[in-house]
Amino acid sequence: MVQVKRLIVPVALAAVLALTGCSATNTADASAGNTSGPTKTASSTPTPDPVVIPDLTGNWKQNNSASNDGWMTATIDGNTITANFVTDNGDTTSLFWVGTFARPTDDTSPYTWTSTRDTAATDSALLASTDPTKPFTYENEEISFPVSIAGSTATVRLSKQ
């Protein structure tokens, strides 16, 4: 029985020391013996990443052209997107699309919008689309949209210049 008492006392003392040693909120307070009041603890809530709304304003150039001397470009200015065919290694530009542009309001990806054609700007252009609207998508730093000519449709992909 005496041997059991000898074991209980050191075990109980170790348990008390372990519990009181964990009562400080940080090691600086524990080592300094800070007893002046409550201590501040670090927040466990992660800080959310800031929302970055893409700025699509500017000049864009096709990155998937099958031709070395021809490609498409687009310019976004204000609430307008203008797309052109560029041929003859940049010497000839032909209007394809002028329409509305709706700026992204958040960081949703992909960002899509439906552009309404500006008929006054495109009706007299020989190679301009006659579609009343055209879908555009921004994803992975590219703008893409369909182009149909003579029954064939291709997806044009543009990168910001």
C-alpha atoms as a PDB file:
ATOM      1  CA  MET A   1       0.000   0.000   0.000  1.00  0.00           C
ATOM      2  CA  VAL A   2       2.884   2.353   0.742  1.00  0.00           C
ATOM      3  CA  GLN A   3       4.298   1.716  -2.716  1.00  0.00           C
ATOM      4  CA  VAL A   4       0.975   2.694  -4.325  1.00  0.00           C
ATOM      5  CA  LYS A   5       0.947   5.980  -2.381  1.00  0.00           C
ATOM      6  CA  ARG A   6       4.511   6.660  -3.509  1.00  0.00           C
ATOM      7  CA  LEU A   7       3.360   6.271  -7.167  1.00  0.00           C
ATOM      8  CA  ILE A   8       0.182   8.338  -6.790  1.00  0.00           C
ATOM      9  CA  VAL A   9       1.895  11.443  -5.424  1.00  0.00           C
ATOM     10  CA  PRO A  10       4.414  11.866  -8.293  1.00  0.00           C
ATOM     11  CA  VAL A  11       1.742  11.090 -10.922  1.00  0.00           C
ATOM     12  CA  ALA A  12      -0.681  13.594  -9.376  1.00  0.00           C
ATOM     13  CA  LEU A  13       2.066  16.213  -9.105  1.00  0.00           C
ATOM     14  CA  ALA A  14       3.012  15.685 -12.782  1.00  0.00           C
ATOM     15  CA  ALA A  15      -0.645  16.019 -13.829  1.00  0.00           C
ATOM     16  CA  VAL A  16      -1.055  19.280 -11.880  1.00  0.00           C
ATOM     17  CA  LEU A  17       2.126  20.723 -13.379  1.00  0.00           C
ATOM     18  CA  ALA A  18       1.069  19.684 -16.899  1.00  0.00           C
ATOM     19  CA  LEU A  19      -2.341  21.304 -16.510  1.00  0.00           C
ATOM     20  CA  THR A  20      -1.055  24.556 -15.035  1.00  0.00           C
ATOM     21  CA  GLY A  21       1.722  24.764 -17.608  1.00  0.00           C
ATOM     22  CA  CYS A  22      -0.880  24.835 -20.417  1.00  0.00           C
ATOM     23  CA  SER A  23      -2.915  27.654 -18.927  1.00  0.00           C
ATOM     24  CA  ALA A  24      -0.915  30.482 -20.553  1.00  0.00           C
ATOM     25  CA  THR A  25      -2.147  31.572 -24.001  1.00  0.00           C
ATOM     26  CA  ASN A  26       1.259  32.067 -25.539  1.00  0.00           C
ATOM     27  CA  THR A  27       4.860  31.317 -24.677  1.00  0.00           C
ATOM     28  CA  ALA A  28       5.809  34.956 -24.115  1.00  0.00           C
ATOM     29  CA  ASP A  29       3.101  35.337 -21.453  1.00  0.00           C
ATOM     30  CA  ALA A  30       3.982  31.972 -19.923  1.00  0.00           C
ATOM     31  CA  SER A  31       7.674  32.740 -19.646  1.00  0.00           C
ATOM     32  CA  ALA A  32       7.110  36.269 -18.389  1.00  0.00           C
ATOM     33  CA  GLY A  33       4.539  35.159 -15.853  1.00  0.00           C
ATOM     34  CA  ASN A  34       2.038  37.672 -17.166  1.00  0.00           C
ATOM     35  CA  THR A  35      -0.924  37.771 -14.798  1.00  0.00           C
ATOM     36  CA  SER A  36      -2.216  41.269 -15.572  1.00  0.00           C
ATOM     37  CA  GLY A  37      -5.393  40.136 -17.301  1.00  0.00           C
ATOM     38  CA  PRO A  38      -6.697  38.441 -20.404  1.00  0.00           C
ATOM     39  CA  THR A  39      -4.331  37.975 -23.301  1.00  0.00           C
ATOM     40  CA  LYS A  40      -5.099  38.325 -26.984  1.00  0.00           C
ATOM     41  CA  THR A  41      -5.002  35.225 -29.111  1.00  0.00           C
ATOM     42  CA  ALA A  42      -4.479  35.017 -32.847  1.00  0.00           C
ATOM     43  CA  SER A  43      -7.630  34.823 -34.931  1.00  0.00           C
ATOM     44  CA  SER A  44      -8.321  31.386 -36.298  1.00  0.00           C
ATOM     45  CA  THR A  45     -10.526  32.762 -39.088  1.00  0.00           C
ATOM     46  CA  PRO A  46      -8.556  32.832 -42.346  1.00  0.00           C
ATOM     47  CA  THR A  47      -8.364  36.158 -44.141  1.00  0.00           C
ATOM     48  CA  PRO A  48     -10.234  35.880 -47.444  1.00  0.00           C
ATOM     49  CA  ASP A  49      -8.340  36.635 -50.633  1.00  0.00           C
ATOM     50  CA  PRO A  50      -9.250  40.056 -52.024  1.00  0.00           C
ATOM     51  CA  VAL A  51     -11.704  40.048 -54.930  1.00  0.00           C
ATOM     52  CA  VAL A  52      -9.911  41.009 -58.136  1.00  0.00           C
ATOM     53  CA  ILE A  53     -12.291  42.127 -60.865  1.00  0.00           C
ATOM     54  CA  PRO A  54     -10.640  41.669 -64.262  1.00  0.00           C
ATOM     55  CA  ASP A  55     -10.086  44.827 -66.301  1.00  0.00           C
ATOM     56  CA  LEU A  56     -10.818  43.858 -69.892  1.00  0.00           C
ATOM     57  CA  THR A  57     -10.327  47.371 -71.289  1.00  0.00           C
ATOM     58  CA  GLY A  58      -7.672  47.584 -73.982  1.00  0.00           C
ATOM     59  CA  ASN A  59      -6.390  45.827 -77.075  1.00  0.00           C
ATOM     60  CA  TRP A  60      -6.600  42.081 -77.670  1.00  0.00           C
ATOM     61  CA  LYS A  61      -5.022  39.911 -80.381  1.00  0.00           C
ATOM     62  CA  GLN A  62      -5.913  36.441 -81.618  1.00  0.00           C
ATOM     63  CA  ASN A  63      -3.663  33.713 -80.252  1.00  0.00           C
ATOM     64  CA  ASN A  64      -5.074  30.758 -82.232  1.00  0.00           C
ATOM     65  CA  SER A  65      -4.851  31.993 -85.818  1.00  0.00           C
ATOM     66  CA  ALA A  66      -4.018  29.378 -88.451  1.00  0.00           C
ATOM     67  CA  SER A  67      -2.370  32.061 -90.603  1.00  0.00           C
ATOM     68  CA  ASN A  68       0.935  33.843 -90.175  1.00  0.00           C
ATOM     69  CA  ASP A  69      -0.278  36.987 -91.946  1.00  0.00           C
ATOM     70  CA  GLY A  70      -3.897  37.159 -90.733  1.00  0.00           C
ATOM     71  CA  TRP A  71      -5.588  37.289 -87.338  1.00  0.00           C
ATOM     72  CA  MET A  72      -8.353  39.020 -85.430  1.00  0.00           C
ATOM     73  CA  THR A  73      -8.100  41.848 -82.948  1.00  0.00           C
ATOM     74  CA  ALA A  74     -10.538  43.386 -80.511  1.00  0.00           C
ATOM     75  CA  THR A  75     -10.630  46.613 -78.581  1.00  0.00           C
ATOM     76  CA  ILE A  76     -12.694  47.154 -75.467  1.00  0.00           C
ATOM     77  CA  ASP A  77     -13.344  50.780 -74.623  1.00  0.00           C
ATOM     78  CA  GLY A  78     -16.053  51.902 -72.223  1.00  0.00           C
ATOM     79  CA  ASN A  79     -19.105  49.755 -72.900  1.00  0.00           C
ATOM     80  CA  THR A  80     -18.123  48.854 -76.482  1.00  0.00           C
ATOM     81  CA  ILE A  81     -16.239  45.924 -77.976  1.00  0.00           C
ATOM     82  CA  THR A  82     -14.960  46.220 -81.550  1.00  0.00           C
ATOM     83  CA  ALA A  83     -13.535  43.191 -83.384  1.00  0.00           C
ATOM     84  CA  ASN A  84     -11.658  43.286 -86.693  1.00  0.00           C
ATOM     85  CA  PHE A  85     -10.156  40.903 -89.211  1.00  0.00           C
ATOM     86  CA  VAL A  86      -6.510  41.826 -89.860  1.00  0.00           C
ATOM     87  CA  THR A  87      -4.896  40.517 -93.073  1.00  0.00           C
ATOM     88  CA  ASP A  88      -1.911  41.173 -95.316  1.00  0.00           C
ATOM     89  CA  ASN A  89       0.384  40.977 -92.290  1.00  0.00           C
ATOM     90  CA  GLY A  90      -1.404  43.917 -90.681  1.00  0.00           C
ATOM     91  CA  ASP A  91      -1.852  46.109 -93.764  1.00  0.00           C
ATOM     92  CA  THR A  92      -5.616  45.489 -94.115  1.00  0.00           C
ATOM     93  CA  THR A  93      -8.248  45.754 -91.383  1.00  0.00           C
ATOM     94  CA  SER A  94     -11.902  44.798 -91.913  1.00  0.00           C
ATOM     95  CA  LEU A  95     -14.640  45.399 -89.369  1.00  0.00           C
ATOM     96  CA  PHE A  96     -16.328  42.281 -88.001  1.00  0.00           C
ATOM     97  CA  TRP A  97     -18.196  43.385 -84.873  1.00  0.00           C
ATOM     98  CA  VAL A  98     -19.122  46.496 -82.917  1.00  0.00           C
ATOM     99  CA  GLY A  99     -21.377  45.882 -79.943  1.00  0.00           C
ATOM    100  CA  THR A 100     -22.101  46.376 -76.301  1.00  0.00           C
ATOM    101  CA  PHE A 101     -19.767  45.304 -73.545  1.00  0.00           C
ATOM    102  CA  ALA A 102     -20.795  44.701 -69.925  1.00  0.00           C
ATOM    103  CA  ARG A 103     -17.967  45.035 -67.408  1.00  0.00           C
ATOM    104  CA  PRO A 104     -17.494  42.234 -64.876  1.00  0.00           C
ATOM    105  CA  THR A 105     -18.648  43.191 -61.388  1.00  0.00           C
ATOM    106  CA  ASP A 106     -16.970  40.320 -59.545  1.00  0.00           C
ATOM    107  CA  ASP A 107     -14.299  37.670 -60.043  1.00  0.00           C
ATOM    108  CA  THR A 108     -16.634  34.951 -61.344  1.00  0.00           C
ATOM    109  CA  SER A 109     -14.925  32.724 -63.905  1.00  0.00           C
ATOM    110  CA  PRO A 110     -15.762  32.205 -66.641  1.00  0.00           C
ATOM    111  CA  TYR A 111     -17.246  35.645 -67.201  1.00  0.00           C
ATOM    112  CA  THR A 112     -19.714  35.677 -70.085  1.00  0.00           C
ATOM    113  CA  TRP A 113     -21.741  38.417 -71.688  1.00  0.00           C
ATOM    114  CA  THR A 114     -24.017  38.793 -74.685  1.00  0.00           C
ATOM    115  CA  SER A 115     -23.070  41.718 -76.877  1.00  0.00           C
ATOM    116  CA  THR A 116     -25.758  43.475 -78.911  1.00  0.00           C
ATOM    117  CA  ARG A 117     -24.566  44.520 -82.370  1.00  0.00           C
ATOM    118  CA  ASP A 118     -24.345  48.220 -83.235  1.00  0.00           C
ATOM    119  CA  THR A 119     -26.169  48.121 -86.575  1.00  0.00           C
ATOM    120  CA  ALA A 120     -25.267  51.691 -87.510  1.00  0.00           C
ATOM    121  CA  ALA A 121     -21.567  50.825 -87.222  1.00  0.00           C
ATOM    122  CA  THR A 122     -21.719  47.433 -88.960  1.00  0.00           C
ATOM    123  CA  ASP A 123     -24.449  47.555 -91.632  1.00  0.00           C
ATOM    124  CA  SER A 124     -22.152  48.988 -94.309  1.00  0.00           C
ATOM    125  CA  ALA A 125     -19.128  46.788 -93.461  1.00  0.00           C
ATOM    126  CA  LEU A 126     -18.750  43.963 -96.008  1.00  0.00           C
ATOM    127  CA  LEU A 127     -17.270  41.371 -93.575  1.00  0.00           C
ATOM    128  CA  ALA A 128     -19.255  42.389 -90.490  1.00  0.00           C
ATOM    129  CA  SER A 129     -21.426  39.872 -88.719  1.00  0.00           C
ATOM    130  CA  THR A 130     -25.152  40.322 -89.194  1.00  0.00           C
ATOM    131  CA  ASP A 131     -26.001  38.439 -85.992  1.00  0.00           C
ATOM    132  CA  PRO A 132     -28.115  40.613 -83.672  1.00  0.00           C
ATOM    133  CA  THR A 133     -26.138  39.380 -80.632  1.00  0.00           C
ATOM    134  CA  LYS A 134     -22.902  37.528 -80.022  1.00  0.00           C
ATOM    135  CA  PRO A 135     -21.753  35.601 -76.917  1.00  0.00           C
ATOM    136  CA  PHE A 136     -18.322  36.435 -75.496  1.00  0.00           C
ATOM    137  CA  THR A 137     -16.437  34.629 -72.731  1.00  0.00           C
ATOM    138  CA  TYR A 138     -13.479  35.710 -70.607  1.00  0.00           C
ATOM    139  CA  GLU A 139     -11.616  32.856 -68.907  1.00  0.00           C
ATOM    140  CA  ASN A 140      -7.964  32.139 -68.099  1.00  0.00           C
ATOM    141  CA  GLU A 141      -6.904  35.582 -69.372  1.00  0.00           C
ATOM    142  CA  GLU A 142      -8.518  34.983 -72.803  1.00  0.00           C
ATOM    143  CA  ILE A 143     -11.573  36.372 -74.537  1.00  0.00           C
ATOM    144  CA  SER A 144     -13.267  33.939 -76.899  1.00  0.00           C
ATOM    145  CA  PHE A 145     -16.208  34.227 -79.280  1.00  0.00           C
ATOM    146  CA  PRO A 146     -17.586  32.383 -82.312  1.00  0.00           C
ATOM    147  CA  VAL A 147     -17.007  33.569 -85.881  1.00  0.00           C
ATOM    148  CA  SER A 148     -19.091  32.079 -88.690  1.00  0.00           C
ATOM    149  CA  ILE A 149     -18.200  32.462 -92.357  1.00  0.00           C
ATOM    150  CA  ALA A 150     -19.809  30.571 -95.249  1.00  0.00           C
ATOM    151  CA  GLY A 151     -21.381  27.974 -92.953  1.00  0.00           C
ATOM    152  CA  SER A 152     -18.227  27.259 -90.912  1.00  0.00           C
ATOM    153  CA  THR A 153     -17.884  28.384 -87.319  1.00  0.00           C
ATOM    154  CA  ALA A 154     -14.587  28.770 -85.479  1.00  0.00           C
ATOM    155  CA  THR A 155     -13.835  29.963 -81.962  1.00  0.00           C
ATOM    156  CA  VAL A 156     -11.493  32.935 -81.892  1.00  0.00           C
ATOM    157  CA  ARG A 157      -9.306  33.253 -78.793  1.00  0.00           C
ATOM    158  CA  LEU A 158      -7.711  36.579 -77.905  1.00  0.00           C
ATOM    159  CA  SER A 159      -4.984  37.549 -75.446  1.00  0.00           C
ATOM    160  CA  LYS A 160      -4.557  41.036 -74.024  1.00  0.00           C
ATOM    161  CA  GLN A 161      -1.769  43.029 -75.626  1.00  0.00           C
END
